[in-house]
PDB file of N, CA and C in Angstrom:
ATOM      1  N   MET A   1      86.965  -9.695 -83.140  1.00  0.00           N
ATOM      2  CA  MET A   1      85.567  -9.919 -82.931  1.00  0.00           C
ATOM      3  C   MET A   1      85.361  -8.273 -82.347  1.00  0.00           C
ATOM      4  N   SER A   2      84.369  -7.716 -82.164  1.00  0.00           N
ATOM      5  CA  SER A   2      84.752  -6.157 -81.943  1.00  0.00           C
ATOM      6  C   SER A   2      83.077  -6.954 -80.982  1.00  0.00           C
ATOM      7  N   LEU A   3      83.276  -5.545 -80.527  1.00  0.00           N
ATOM      8  CA  LEU A   3      82.393  -6.075 -78.373  1.00  0.00           C
ATOM      9  C   LEU A   3      81.489  -6.571 -77.833  1.00  0.00           C
ATOM     10  N   SER A   4      80.715  -6.303 -79.601  1.00  0.00           N
ATOM     11  CA  SER A   4      78.978  -6.227 -79.845  1.00  0.00           C
ATOM     12  C   SER A   4      78.923  -7.224 -80.610  1.00  0.00           C
ATOM     13  N   ASP A   5      79.607  -8.042 -81.310  1.00  0.00           N
ATOM     14  CA  ASP A   5      79.658  -9.574 -81.578  1.00  0.00           C
ATOM     15  C   ASP A   5      80.260 -10.535 -80.296  1.00  0.00           C
ATOM     16  N   LYS A   6      80.666 -10.148 -79.328  1.00  0.00           N
ATOM     17  CA  LYS A   6      81.342 -10.240 -77.881  1.00  0.00           C
ATOM     18  C   LYS A   6      79.674 -10.501 -76.743  1.00  0.00           C
ATOM     19  N   ALA A   7      79.116  -9.710 -76.756  1.00  0.00           N
ATOM     20  CA  ALA A   7      77.600  -9.572 -76.840  1.00  0.00           C
ATOM     21  C   ALA A   7      77.041 -10.111 -76.661  1.00  0.00           C
ATOM     22  N   ASP A   8      76.442 -10.175 -78.357  1.00  0.00           N
ATOM     23  CA  ASP A   8      76.296 -11.054 -78.869  1.00  0.00           C
ATOM     24  C   ASP A   8      76.091 -12.481 -78.511  1.00  0.00           C
ATOM     25  N   ASP A   9      76.668 -13.304 -78.426  1.00  0.00           N
ATOM     26  CA  ASP A   9      78.284 -14.368 -77.586  1.00  0.00           C
ATOM     27  C   ASP A   9      77.068 -15.231 -75.829  1.00  0.00           C
ATOM     28  N   LEU A  10      77.396 -14.326 -76.088  1.00  0.00           N
ATOM     29  CA  LEU A  10      76.909 -13.801 -74.405  1.00  0.00           C
ATOM     30  C   LEU A  10      75.902 -14.056 -73.789  1.00  0.00           C
ATOM     31  N   GLY A  11      74.999 -13.044 -74.885  1.00  0.00           N
ATOM     32  CA  GLY A  11      73.547 -13.452 -74.962  1.00  0.00           C
ATOM     33  C   GLY A  11      72.897 -14.466 -75.428  1.00  0.00           C
ATOM     34  N   SER A  12      73.492 -15.136 -76.312  1.00  0.00           N
ATOM     35  CA  SER A  12      72.699 -16.399 -76.799  1.00  0.00           C
ATOM     36  C   SER A  12      73.600 -17.782 -76.186  1.00  0.00           C
ATOM     37  N   THR A  13      74.698 -17.364 -75.315  1.00  0.00           N
ATOM     38  CA  THR A  13      74.796 -18.762 -74.110  1.00  0.00           C
ATOM     39  C   THR A  13      73.810 -18.093 -73.242  1.00  0.00           C
ATOM     40  N   ALA A  14      73.936 -16.927 -72.622  1.00  0.00           N
ATOM     41  CA  ALA A  14      72.497 -17.223 -71.323  1.00  0.00           C
ATOM     42  C   ALA A  14      71.672 -17.247 -71.568  1.00  0.00           C
ATOM     43  N   LYS A  15      70.681 -16.941 -73.007  1.00  0.00           N
ATOM     44  CA  LYS A  15      69.657 -16.756 -73.415  1.00  0.00           C
ATOM     45  C   LYS A  15      69.286 -18.855 -73.245  1.00  0.00           C
ATOM     46  N   SER A  16      69.831 -19.892 -74.183  1.00  0.00           N
ATOM     47  CA  SER A  16      70.469 -20.910 -73.909  1.00  0.00           C
ATOM     48  C   SER A  16      70.348 -22.116 -72.837  1.00  0.00           C
ATOM     49  N   ALA A  17      71.724 -21.588 -72.112  1.00  0.00           N
ATOM     50  CA  ALA A  17      71.447 -21.575 -70.556  1.00  0.00           C
ATOM     51  C   ALA A  17      69.990 -21.832 -69.884  1.00  0.00           C
ATOM     52  N   ALA A  18      68.779 -20.112 -69.952  1.00  0.00           N
ATOM     53  CA  ALA A  18      68.402 -20.871 -69.515  1.00  0.00           C
ATOM     54  C   ALA A  18      66.822 -21.214 -69.844  1.00  0.00           C
ATOM     55  N   ASN A  19      67.149 -21.745 -71.578  1.00  0.00           N
ATOM     56  CA  ASN A  19      65.611 -22.746 -71.505  1.00  0.00           C
ATOM     57  C   ASN A  19      66.389 -23.966 -71.459  1.00  0.00           C
ATOM     58  N   ASP A  20      67.531 -24.671 -71.282  1.00  0.00           N
ATOM     59  CA  ASP A  20      67.335 -25.675 -70.645  1.00  0.00           C
ATOM     60  C   ASP A  20      67.653 -25.890 -69.507  1.00  0.00           C
ATOM     61  N   ALA A  21      68.164 -24.565 -69.209  1.00  0.00           N
ATOM     62  CA  ALA A  21      67.609 -25.130 -67.523  1.00  0.00           C
ATOM     63  C   ALA A  21      65.285 -24.785 -67.666  1.00  0.00           C
ATOM     64  N   VAL A  22      65.445 -24.508 -67.495  1.00  0.00           N
ATOM     65  CA  VAL A  22      63.217 -24.908 -67.640  1.00  0.00           C
ATOM     66  C   VAL A  22      63.275 -26.148 -68.442  1.00  0.00           C
ATOM     67  N   LYS A  23      64.143 -26.624 -69.151  1.00  0.00           N
ATOM     68  CA  LYS A  23      63.528 -27.539 -69.892  1.00  0.00           C
ATOM     69  C   LYS A  23      63.913 -28.681 -68.094  1.00  0.00           C
ATOM     70  N   THR A  24      64.983 -28.295 -68.674  1.00  0.00           N
ATOM     71  CA  THR A  24      65.170 -29.565 -66.625  1.00  0.00           C
ATOM     72  C   THR A  24      64.626 -30.006 -65.714  1.00  0.00           C
ATOM     73  N   VAL A  25      64.489 -28.534 -65.646  1.00  0.00           N
ATOM     74  CA  VAL A  25      62.836 -27.996 -64.955  1.00  0.00           C
ATOM     75  C   VAL A  25      60.867 -28.975 -65.073  1.00  0.00           C
ATOM     76  N   LYS A  26      61.096 -28.510 -66.643  1.00  0.00           N
ATOM     77  CA  LYS A  26      59.974 -29.486 -66.080  1.00  0.00           C
ATOM     78  C   LYS A  26      60.205 -30.569 -66.871  1.00  0.00           C
ATOM     79  N   SER A  27      61.523 -31.063 -67.405  1.00  0.00           N
ATOM     80  CA  SER A  27      60.774 -32.855 -67.182  1.00  0.00           C
ATOM     81  C   SER A  27      61.737 -33.516 -65.900  1.00  0.00           C
ATOM     82  N   GLY A  28      61.078 -32.333 -64.578  1.00  0.00           N
ATOM     83  CA  GLY A  28      61.155 -33.239 -63.391  1.00  0.00           C
ATOM     84  C   GLY A  28      62.690 -33.390 -62.885  1.00  0.00           C
ATOM     85  N   GLY A  29      63.316 -32.943 -63.078  1.00  0.00           N
ATOM     86  CA  GLY A  29      64.706 -33.199 -62.872  1.00  0.00           C
ATOM     87  C   GLY A  29      65.051 -32.501 -61.966  1.00  0.00           C
ATOM     88  N   GLY A  30      64.208 -31.281 -61.278  1.00  0.00           N
ATOM     89  CA  GLY A  30      64.247 -30.204 -60.957  1.00  0.00           C
ATOM     90  C   GLY A  30      65.354 -28.385 -60.341  1.00  0.00           C
ATOM     91  N   VAL A  31      64.875 -28.111 -59.822  1.00  0.00           N
ATOM     92  CA  VAL A  31      65.556 -26.287 -60.024  1.00  0.00           C
ATOM     93  C   VAL A  31      67.392 -27.202 -58.947  1.00  0.00           C
ATOM     94  N   VAL A  32      67.554 -28.078 -57.753  1.00  0.00           N
ATOM     95  CA  VAL A  32      69.089 -28.157 -58.305  1.00  0.00           C
ATOM     96  C   VAL A  32      69.493 -29.067 -60.415  1.00  0.00           C
ATOM     97  N   ALA A  33      69.098 -29.189 -60.707  1.00  0.00           N
ATOM     98  CA  ALA A  33      69.652 -30.472 -61.003  1.00  0.00           C
ATOM     99  C   ALA A  33      69.483 -28.554 -62.955  1.00  0.00           C
ATOM    100  N   ALA A  34      69.104 -28.860 -62.782  1.00  0.00           N
ATOM    101  CA  ALA A  34      68.700 -27.346 -63.649  1.00  0.00           C
ATOM    102  C   ALA A  34      70.191 -26.333 -63.339  1.00  0.00           C
ATOM    103  N   LEU A  35      70.090 -26.133 -61.874  1.00  0.00           N
ATOM    104  CA  LEU A  35      71.494 -24.903 -61.615  1.00  0.00           C
ATOM    105  C   LEU A  35      73.202 -25.994 -62.238  1.00  0.00           C
ATOM    106  N   SER A  36      72.625 -27.454 -62.378  1.00  0.00           N
ATOM    107  CA  SER A  36      73.750 -28.118 -62.285  1.00  0.00           C
ATOM    108  C   SER A  36      74.145 -27.469 -64.436  1.00  0.00           C
ATOM    109  N   ASN A  37      73.427 -28.168 -64.186  1.00  0.00           N
ATOM    110  CA  ASN A  37      72.837 -28.252 -65.694  1.00  0.00           C
ATOM    111  C   ASN A  37      73.324 -27.091 -66.221  1.00  0.00           C
ATOM    112  N   ALA A  38      73.471 -25.774 -65.618  1.00  0.00           N
ATOM    113  CA  ALA A  38      73.772 -23.607 -66.281  1.00  0.00           C
ATOM    114  C   ALA A  38      74.865 -23.718 -66.262  1.00  0.00           C
ATOM    115  N   GLY A  39      75.505 -25.207 -65.446  1.00  0.00           N
ATOM    116  CA  GLY A  39      76.829 -24.417 -65.422  1.00  0.00           C
ATOM    117  C   GLY A  39      77.019 -24.478 -64.163  1.00  0.00           C
ATOM    118  N   PHE A  40      76.792 -24.215 -63.028  1.00  0.00           N
ATOM    119  CA  PHE A  40      76.795 -23.390 -61.700  1.00  0.00           C
ATOM    120  C   PHE A  40      76.951 -24.936 -60.237  1.00  0.00           C
ATOM    121  N   LYS A  41      78.346 -24.709 -59.816  1.00  0.00           N
ATOM    122  CA  LYS A  41      79.312 -25.870 -59.517  1.00  0.00           C
ATOM    123  C   LYS A  41      78.865 -25.605 -57.798  1.00  0.00           C
ATOM    124  N   SER A  42      78.498 -26.823 -56.278  1.00  0.00           N
ATOM    125  CA  SER A  42      79.122 -27.158 -55.324  1.00  0.00           C
ATOM    126  C   SER A  42      80.479 -25.706 -54.840  1.00  0.00           C
ATOM    127  N   GLU A  43      81.098 -25.502 -55.168  1.00  0.00           N
ATOM    128  CA  GLU A  43      82.052 -24.619 -55.093  1.00  0.00           C
ATOM    129  C   GLU A  43      81.807 -23.466 -54.493  1.00  0.00           C
ATOM    130  N   TYR A  44      81.077 -23.212 -56.386  1.00  0.00           N
ATOM    131  CA  TYR A  44      80.224 -21.344 -56.232  1.00  0.00           C
ATOM    132  C   TYR A  44      79.626 -21.045 -54.551  1.00  0.00           C
ATOM    133  N   ALA A  45      78.349 -22.612 -54.322  1.00  0.00           N
ATOM    134  CA  ALA A  45      77.583 -21.976 -53.314  1.00  0.00           C
ATOM    135  C   ALA A  45      78.254 -21.919 -51.648  1.00  0.00           C
ATOM    136  N   TYR A  46      79.444 -23.192 -52.386  1.00  0.00           N
ATOM    137  CA  TYR A  46      79.548 -23.147 -50.651  1.00  0.00           C
ATOM    138  C   TYR A  46      80.800 -21.566 -50.915  1.00  0.00           C
ATOM    139  N   ALA A  47      81.605 -20.846 -50.890  1.00  0.00           N
ATOM    140  CA  ALA A  47      82.315 -19.639 -51.680  1.00  0.00           C
ATOM    141  C   ALA A  47      81.407 -18.966 -51.372  1.00  0.00           C
ATOM    142  N   ALA A  48      79.895 -18.831 -51.953  1.00  0.00           N
ATOM    143  CA  ALA A  48      79.565 -17.497 -51.780  1.00  0.00           C
ATOM    144  C   ALA A  48      77.883 -17.372 -50.200  1.00  0.00           C
ATOM    145  N   GLY A  49      78.694 -19.025 -49.391  1.00  0.00           N
ATOM    146  CA  GLY A  49      78.000 -19.111 -48.242  1.00  0.00           C
ATOM    147  C   GLY A  49      78.749 -18.577 -47.202  1.00  0.00           C
ATOM    148  N   PHE A  50      80.625 -18.980 -47.356  1.00  0.00           N
ATOM    149  CA  PHE A  50      81.583 -18.054 -46.173  1.00  0.00           C
ATOM    150  C   PHE A  50      81.818 -16.781 -46.951  1.00  0.00           C
ATOM    151  N   ALA A  51      81.455 -15.981 -48.267  1.00  0.00           N
ATOM    152  CA  ALA A  51      81.400 -15.014 -48.312  1.00  0.00           C
ATOM    153  C   ALA A  51      80.143 -13.877 -48.243  1.00  0.00           C
ATOM    154  N   SER A  52      78.615 -14.614 -47.587  1.00  0.00           N
ATOM    155  CA  SER A  52      77.520 -13.985 -46.675  1.00  0.00           C
ATOM    156  C   SER A  52      78.136 -14.460 -45.293  1.00  0.00           C
ATOM    157  N   ILE A  53      78.690 -15.491 -44.822  1.00  0.00           N
ATOM    158  CA  ILE A  53      79.759 -15.296 -43.571  1.00  0.00           C
ATOM    159  C   ILE A  53      80.700 -13.583 -43.184  1.00  0.00           C
ATOM    160  N   ALA A  54      81.307 -13.284 -44.307  1.00  0.00           N
ATOM    161  CA  ALA A  54      81.969 -13.178 -44.079  1.00  0.00           C
ATOM    162  C   ALA A  54      81.432 -11.019 -44.211  1.00  0.00           C
ATOM    163  N   ALA A  55      80.194 -10.380 -45.109  1.00  0.00           N
ATOM    164  CA  ALA A  55      79.562  -9.744 -44.897  1.00  0.00           C
ATOM    165  C   ALA A  55      78.891  -9.880 -44.403  1.00  0.00           C
ATOM    166  N   SER A  56      78.267 -10.705 -43.514  1.00  0.00           N
ATOM    167  CA  SER A  56      77.284  -9.898 -42.082  1.00  0.00           C
ATOM    168  C   SER A  56      78.187  -9.776 -40.797  1.00  0.00           C
ATOM    169  N   TRP A  57      79.893 -10.640 -40.464  1.00  0.00           N
ATOM    170  CA  TRP A  57      81.031 -10.080 -39.956  1.00  0.00           C
ATOM    171  C   TRP A  57      80.428  -8.741 -39.867  1.00  0.00           C
ATOM    172  N   VAL A  58      81.461  -8.434 -41.417  1.00  0.00           N
ATOM    173  CA  VAL A  58      81.575  -6.708 -41.879  1.00  0.00           C
ATOM    174  C   VAL A  58      80.162  -5.594 -41.323  1.00  0.00           C
ATOM    175  N   ALA A  59      79.301  -6.362 -41.811  1.00  0.00           N
ATOM    176  CA  ALA A  59      77.790  -5.090 -41.560  1.00  0.00           C
ATOM    177  C   ALA A  59      77.485  -5.226 -39.774  1.00  0.00           C
ATOM    178  N   HIS A  60      78.192  -6.120 -39.063  1.00  0.00           N
ATOM    179  CA  HIS A  60      77.398  -5.928 -38.120  1.00  0.00           C
ATOM    180  C   HIS A  60      79.020  -4.977 -37.408  1.00  0.00           C
ATOM    181  N   TYR A  61      79.929  -5.677 -37.514  1.00  0.00           N
ATOM    182  CA  TYR A  61      81.144  -4.632 -36.974  1.00  0.00           C
ATOM    183  C   TYR A  61      81.357  -2.892 -37.017  1.00  0.00           C
ATOM    184  N   ALA A  62      80.661  -3.619 -38.173  1.00  0.00           N
ATOM    185  CA  ALA A  62      80.635  -1.619 -39.005  1.00  0.00           C
ATOM    186  C   ALA A  62      79.519  -0.938 -38.007  1.00  0.00           C
ATOM    187  N   SER A  63      77.968  -1.822 -38.218  1.00  0.00           N
ATOM    188  CA  SER A  63      77.295  -0.580 -37.112  1.00  0.00           C
ATOM    189  C   SER A  63      78.199  -0.749 -36.126  1.00  0.00           C
ATOM    190  N   ARG A  64      78.537  -1.189 -35.260  1.00  0.00           N
ATOM    191  CA  ARG A  64      78.695  -1.242 -33.708  1.00  0.00           C
ATOM    192  C   ARG A  64      80.103   1.016 -33.594  1.00  0.00           C
ATOM    193  N   GLY A  65      80.263   1.486 -34.569  1.00  0.00           N
ATOM    194  CA  GLY A  65      80.904   2.802 -34.996  1.00  0.00           C
ATOM    195  C   GLY A  65      79.975   3.823 -35.252  1.00  0.00           C
ATOM    196  N   LYS A  66      78.967   3.501 -35.901  1.00  0.00           N
ATOM    197  CA  LYS A  66      77.429   4.138 -35.772  1.00  0.00           C
ATOM    198  C   LYS A  66      76.928   5.138 -34.831  1.00  0.00           C
ATOM    199  N   LYS A  67      77.092   6.139 -34.718  1.00  0.00           N
ATOM    200  CA  LYS A  67      75.779   6.295 -33.525  1.00  0.00           C
ATOM    201  C   LYS A  67      74.668   7.012 -34.204  1.00  0.00           C
ATOM    202  N   GLY A  68      73.170   6.174 -33.071  1.00  0.00           N
ATOM    203  CA  GLY A  68      72.211   6.854 -32.994  1.00  0.00           C
ATOM    204  C   GLY A  68      71.281   6.268 -33.736  1.00  0.00           C
ATOM    205  N   ASP A  69      70.521   5.744 -34.097  1.00  0.00           N
ATOM    206  CA  ASP A  69      69.426   5.264 -34.265  1.00  0.00           C
ATOM    207  C   ASP A  69      69.683   3.575 -35.882  1.00  0.00           C
ATOM    208  N   SER A  70      70.537   4.709 -37.019  1.00  0.00           N
ATOM    209  CA  SER A  70      70.885   3.474 -37.886  1.00  0.00           C
ATOM    210  C   SER A  70      72.093   2.596 -36.995  1.00  0.00           C
ATOM    211  N   LYS A  71      72.200   2.204 -36.244  1.00  0.00           N
ATOM    212  CA  LYS A  71      72.593   1.234 -35.240  1.00  0.00           C
ATOM    213  C   LYS A  71      71.757  -0.314 -35.574  1.00  0.00           C
ATOM    214  N   ALA A  72      70.866   0.204 -35.139  1.00  0.00           N
ATOM    215  CA  ALA A  72      70.382  -1.254 -34.133  1.00  0.00           C
ATOM    216  C   ALA A  72      69.749  -1.720 -36.074  1.00  0.00           C
ATOM    217  N   GLN A  73      69.434  -0.784 -37.002  1.00  0.00           N
ATOM    218  CA  GLN A  73      68.989  -0.741 -38.487  1.00  0.00           C
ATOM    219  C   GLN A  73      70.464  -2.041 -38.776  1.00  0.00           C
ATOM    220  N   ALA A  74      71.894  -1.659 -38.238  1.00  0.00           N
ATOM    221  CA  ALA A  74      72.854  -2.130 -39.730  1.00  0.00           C
ATOM    222  C   ALA A  74      72.831  -3.369 -38.789  1.00  0.00           C
ATOM    223  N   ASP A  75      72.880  -3.005 -37.326  1.00  0.00           N
ATOM    224  CA  ASP A  75      73.111  -5.393 -36.666  1.00  0.00           C
ATOM    225  C   ASP A  75      71.434  -5.449 -37.752  1.00  0.00           C
ATOM    226  N   ARG A  76      70.558  -5.586 -37.110  1.00  0.00           N
ATOM    227  CA  ARG A  76      69.275  -6.255 -38.351  1.00  0.00           C
ATOM    228  C   ARG A  76      70.238  -6.816 -39.640  1.00  0.00           C
ATOM    229  N   TRP A  77      70.679  -5.720 -40.355  1.00  0.00           N
ATOM    230  CA  TRP A  77      71.554  -5.923 -41.836  1.00  0.00           C
ATOM    231  C   TRP A  77      71.800  -6.937 -41.840  1.00  0.00           C
ATOM    232  N   GLY A  78      72.949  -7.064 -40.892  1.00  0.00           N
ATOM    233  CA  GLY A  78      74.162  -8.849 -40.372  1.00  0.00           C
ATOM    234  C   GLY A  78      73.563 -10.014 -39.985  1.00  0.00           C
ATOM    235  N   ILE A  79      72.403  -9.392 -39.043  1.00  0.00           N
ATOM    236  CA  ILE A  79      71.907 -11.269 -39.242  1.00  0.00           C
ATOM    237  C   ILE A  79      71.291 -10.818 -40.465  1.00  0.00           C
ATOM    238  N   PHE A  80      70.203 -10.526 -41.137  1.00  0.00           N
ATOM    239  CA  PHE A  80      69.811 -10.897 -41.930  1.00  0.00           C
ATOM    240  C   PHE A  80      70.731 -11.321 -42.729  1.00  0.00           C
ATOM    241  N   VAL A  81      71.699 -11.131 -43.178  1.00  0.00           N
ATOM    242  CA  VAL A  81      72.903 -11.231 -44.654  1.00  0.00           C
ATOM    243  C   VAL A  81      73.205 -12.436 -43.776  1.00  0.00           C
ATOM    244  N   GLY A  82      73.714 -13.366 -42.597  1.00  0.00           N
ATOM    245  CA  GLY A  82      73.988 -14.499 -41.642  1.00  0.00           C
ATOM    246  C   GLY A  82      73.632 -15.326 -41.431  1.00  0.00           C
ATOM    247  N   HIS A  83      72.063 -15.223 -42.175  1.00  0.00           N
ATOM    248  CA  HIS A  83      71.257 -15.430 -42.236  1.00  0.00           C
ATOM    249  C   HIS A  83      71.159 -17.273 -44.436  1.00  0.00           C
ATOM    250  N   TRP A  84      71.483 -16.081 -44.630  1.00  0.00           N
ATOM    251  CA  TRP A  84      71.807 -17.023 -46.450  1.00  0.00           C
ATOM    252  C   TRP A  84      72.865 -17.710 -46.488  1.00  0.00           C
ATOM    253  N   ALA A  85      73.823 -17.549 -45.485  1.00  0.00           N
ATOM    254  CA  ALA A  85      75.318 -18.557 -45.292  1.00  0.00           C
ATOM    255  C   ALA A  85      73.944 -20.601 -45.380  1.00  0.00           C
ATOM    256  N   PRO A  86      73.995 -20.286 -44.123  1.00  0.00           N
ATOM    257  CA  PRO A  86      73.102 -21.712 -44.294  1.00  0.00           C
ATOM    258  C   PRO A  86      72.402 -21.824 -45.688  1.00  0.00           C
ATOM    259  N   THR A  87      71.433 -21.123 -46.312  1.00  0.00           N
ATOM    260  CA  THR A  87      71.233 -21.191 -47.588  1.00  0.00           C
ATOM    261  C   THR A  87      71.792 -21.888 -48.921  1.00  0.00           C
ATOM    262  N   PHE A  88      73.241 -21.699 -49.135  1.00  0.00           N
ATOM    263  CA  PHE A  88      73.934 -21.582 -50.293  1.00  0.00           C
ATOM    264  C   PHE A  88      74.753 -23.039 -49.836  1.00  0.00           C
ATOM    265  N   PHE A  89      74.581 -23.281 -48.347  1.00  0.00           N
ATOM    266  CA  PHE A  89      76.326 -24.469 -48.057  1.00  0.00           C
ATOM    267  C   PHE A  89      75.338 -25.763 -48.345  1.00  0.00           C
ATOM    268  N   ALA A  90      73.397 -25.346 -47.705  1.00  0.00           N
ATOM    269  CA  ALA A  90      72.497 -27.075 -47.867  1.00  0.00           C
ATOM    270  C   ALA A  90      72.610 -26.782 -49.879  1.00  0.00           C
ATOM    271  N   LEU A  91      72.313 -25.567 -50.096  1.00  0.00           N
ATOM    272  CA  LEU A  91      72.827 -25.415 -52.021  1.00  0.00           C
ATOM    273  C   LEU A  91      73.969 -26.171 -52.244  1.00  0.00           C
ATOM    274  N   GLY A  92      74.813 -25.807 -51.708  1.00  0.00           N
ATOM    275  CA  GLY A  92      75.978 -26.742 -51.767  1.00  0.00           C
ATOM    276  C   GLY A  92      76.798 -28.534 -52.318  1.00  0.00           C
ATOM    277  N   VAL A  93      75.578 -28.852 -51.196  1.00  0.00           N
ATOM    278  CA  VAL A  93      76.038 -29.723 -50.801  1.00  0.00           C
ATOM    279  C   VAL A  93      74.819 -30.715 -51.849  1.00  0.00           C
ATOM    280  N   ALA A  94      73.003 -30.019 -52.188  1.00  0.00           N
ATOM    281  CA  ALA A  94      73.397 -29.894 -53.297  1.00  0.00           C
ATOM    282  C   ALA A  94      73.394 -30.851 -54.135  1.00  0.00           C
ATOM    283  N   LEU A  95      73.560 -29.216 -54.824  1.00  0.00           N
ATOM    284  CA  LEU A  95      74.675 -29.539 -56.569  1.00  0.00           C
ATOM    285  C   LEU A  95      75.711 -30.904 -56.149  1.00  0.00           C
ATOM    286  N   LYS A  96      76.511 -31.024 -55.104  1.00  0.00           N
ATOM    287  CA  LYS A  96      77.387 -32.313 -55.158  1.00  0.00           C
ATOM    288  C   LYS A  96      77.335 -33.041 -55.699  1.00  0.00           C
ATOM    289  N   LEU A  97      75.995 -33.730 -54.418  1.00  0.00           N
ATOM    290  CA  LEU A  97      75.134 -34.408 -54.870  1.00  0.00           C
ATOM    291  C   LEU A  97      74.868 -35.311 -56.349  1.00  0.00           C
ATOM    292  N   GLU A  98      74.341 -34.338 -56.873  1.00  0.00           N
ATOM    293  CA  GLU A  98      74.065 -34.316 -58.114  1.00  0.00           C
ATOM    294  C   GLU A  98      75.053 -34.354 -59.095  1.00  0.00           C
ATOM    295  N   GLU A  99      76.654 -33.189 -58.776  1.00  0.00           N
ATOM    296  CA  GLU A  99      77.296 -33.429 -59.347  1.00  0.00           C
ATOM    297  C   GLU A  99      77.739 -35.171 -59.924  1.00  0.00           C
ATOM    298  N   ASN A 100      77.917 -35.239 -58.406  1.00  0.00           N
ATOM    299  CA  ASN A 100      78.149 -37.168 -58.281  1.00  0.00           C
ATOM    300  C   ASN A 100      77.318 -38.442 -58.184  1.00  0.00           C
ATOM    301  N   SER A 101      75.968 -38.506 -58.994  1.00  0.00           N
ATOM    302  CA  SER A 101      75.464 -38.678 -60.008  1.00  0.00           C
ATOM    303  C   SER A 101      75.744 -39.731 -60.570  1.00  0.00           C
TER     304      SER A 101
END
């Protein structure tokens, strides 16, 4: 199988998953059900939450070494990334409930 054929297969799989997700949302299943049907698992959301905490920590401590005006901007970036974690964890809980139902 050539690389082009593999890319076509991947593209058709992604398109099929997207179409299934849209059908789920339109039928009243909601976004969480659509994500679950597309193969997005709660473990992925939890991992993204922990990764955002780590990225926030890195951005904050990397900013401490900077001099000048860029330090405040880097601190704000660390806080911004840190705000992603609760969203990912909440999504993980919702997906876990969807997986168990």
